[in-house]
Amino acid sequence: MKTMKLGDQIKRVSEKDADRMRKEGWNYCPKSEWKEKVRAFQKPKEEPTEKKKGKGNPKGKAKKNK
């Protein structure tokens, strides 16, 4: 997979398509740019939830009384 950019449009394409697009005027760009500008918007944002406190022993085992 390659990341290609033309103007402000960014796409992830296969190696085969990247060669064709390069001839059409597209340029390679870093994958990190795609992650920030494209993929981040497509993911649904999860609302932060409150963490629940665990009960008892943190290892998950009950204490043995002697």
C-alpha atoms as a PDB file:
ATOM      1  CA  MET A   1       0.000   0.000   0.000  1.00  0.00           C
ATOM      2  CA  LYS A   2       1.120   3.531  -0.819  1.00  0.00           C
ATOM      3  CA  THR A   3      -0.213   6.883   0.268  1.00  0.00           C
ATOM      4  CA  MET A   4      -0.840   9.314  -2.588  1.00  0.00           C
ATOM      5  CA  LYS A   5      -1.738  13.009  -2.518  1.00  0.00           C
ATOM      6  CA  LEU A   6      -3.151  15.369  -5.139  1.00  0.00           C
ATOM      7  CA  GLY A   7      -3.918  18.839  -3.809  1.00  0.00           C
ATOM      8  CA  ASP A   8      -5.694  18.253  -0.512  1.00  0.00           C
ATOM      9  CA  GLN A   9      -7.007  14.809  -1.480  1.00  0.00           C
ATOM     10  CA  ILE A  10      -5.168  11.865   0.133  1.00  0.00           C
ATOM     11  CA  LYS A  11      -5.715   8.177  -0.714  1.00  0.00           C
ATOM     12  CA  ARG A  12      -4.236   4.817   0.269  1.00  0.00           C
ATOM     13  CA  VAL A  13      -3.793   2.664  -2.842  1.00  0.00           C
ATOM     14  CA  SER A  14      -2.131  -0.566  -3.946  1.00  0.00           C
ATOM     15  CA  GLU A  15       1.351  -0.623  -5.482  1.00  0.00           C
ATOM     16  CA  LYS A  16      -0.148  -1.160  -8.943  1.00  0.00           C
ATOM     17  CA  ASP A  17      -2.533   1.785  -8.649  1.00  0.00           C
ATOM     18  CA  ALA A  18       0.241   3.984  -7.208  1.00  0.00           C
ATOM     19  CA  ASP A  19       2.278   3.647 -10.413  1.00  0.00           C
ATOM     20  CA  ARG A  20      -0.708   4.649 -12.537  1.00  0.00           C
ATOM     21  CA  MET A  21      -1.646   7.564 -10.278  1.00  0.00           C
ATOM     22  CA  ARG A  22       1.961   8.822 -10.224  1.00  0.00           C
ATOM     23  CA  LYS A  23       1.771   9.208 -14.015  1.00  0.00           C
ATOM     24  CA  GLU A  24      -1.498  11.132 -13.600  1.00  0.00           C
ATOM     25  CA  GLY A  25       0.142  13.757 -11.377  1.00  0.00           C
ATOM     26  CA  TRP A  26      -0.329  12.337  -7.886  1.00  0.00           C
ATOM     27  CA  ASN A  27       2.618  12.484  -5.459  1.00  0.00           C
ATOM     28  CA  TYR A  28       3.667  10.184  -2.660  1.00  0.00           C
ATOM     29  CA  CYS A  29       3.098  11.439   0.887  1.00  0.00           C
ATOM     30  CA  PRO A  30       3.838  10.046   4.364  1.00  0.00           C
ATOM     31  CA  LYS A  31       1.370   7.581   5.857  1.00  0.00           C
ATOM     32  CA  SER A  32       1.349   9.694   9.021  1.00  0.00           C
ATOM     33  CA  GLU A  33      -0.278  12.525   7.044  1.00  0.00           C
ATOM     34  CA  TRP A  34      -3.055  10.151   5.933  1.00  0.00           C
ATOM     35  CA  LYS A  35      -3.511   8.984   9.540  1.00  0.00           C
ATOM     36  CA  GLU A  36      -3.903  12.539  10.814  1.00  0.00           C
ATOM     37  CA  LYS A  37      -6.090  13.996   8.073  1.00  0.00           C
ATOM     38  CA  VAL A  38      -8.175  11.117   6.705  1.00  0.00           C
ATOM     39  CA  ARG A  39      -8.339   8.165   9.050  1.00  0.00           C
ATOM     40  CA  ALA A  40      -8.851  10.260  12.192  1.00  0.00           C
ATOM     41  CA  PHE A  41     -12.059  11.744  10.768  1.00  0.00           C
ATOM     42  CA  GLN A  42     -13.490   8.391   9.701  1.00  0.00           C
ATOM     43  CA  LYS A  43     -13.247   6.833  13.165  1.00  0.00           C
ATOM     44  CA  PRO A  44     -16.246   7.454  15.395  1.00  0.00           C
ATOM     45  CA  LYS A  45     -15.097   9.261  18.507  1.00  0.00           C
ATOM     46  CA  GLU A  46     -15.850   7.401  21.683  1.00  0.00           C
ATOM     47  CA  GLU A  47     -17.000   9.390  24.645  1.00  0.00           C
ATOM     48  CA  PRO A  48     -14.771   8.897  27.670  1.00  0.00           C
ATOM     49  CA  THR A  49     -16.344   6.690  30.280  1.00  0.00           C
ATOM     50  CA  GLU A  50     -15.633   6.697  33.978  1.00  0.00           C
ATOM     51  CA  LYS A  51     -13.335   3.946  35.095  1.00  0.00           C
ATOM     52  CA  LYS A  52     -14.799   1.689  37.724  1.00  0.00           C
ATOM     53  CA  LYS A  53     -12.709   0.914  40.747  1.00  0.00           C
ATOM     54  CA  GLY A  54     -11.914  -2.732  41.249  1.00  0.00           C
ATOM     55  CA  LYS A  55     -12.998  -4.448  44.424  1.00  0.00           C
ATOM     56  CA  GLY A  56     -10.854  -6.657  46.536  1.00  0.00           C
ATOM     57  CA  ASN A  57      -7.368  -7.880  45.844  1.00  0.00           C
ATOM     58  CA  PRO A  58      -5.843  -6.312  42.706  1.00  0.00           C
ATOM     59  CA  LYS A  59      -4.392  -9.673  41.669  1.00  0.00           C
ATOM     60  CA  GLY A  60      -7.867 -11.142  41.473  1.00  0.00           C
ATOM     61  CA  LYS A  61      -7.279 -13.774  44.106  1.00  0.00           C
ATOM     62  CA  ALA A  62      -8.981 -13.983  47.452  1.00  0.00           C
ATOM     63  CA  LYS A  63      -6.811 -13.685  50.546  1.00  0.00           C
ATOM     64  CA  LYS A  64      -6.499 -16.831  52.596  1.00  0.00           C
ATOM     65  CA  ASN A  65      -6.928 -16.516  56.339  1.00  0.00           C
ATOM     66  CA  LYS A  66      -4.697 -18.710  58.458  1.00  0.00           C
END
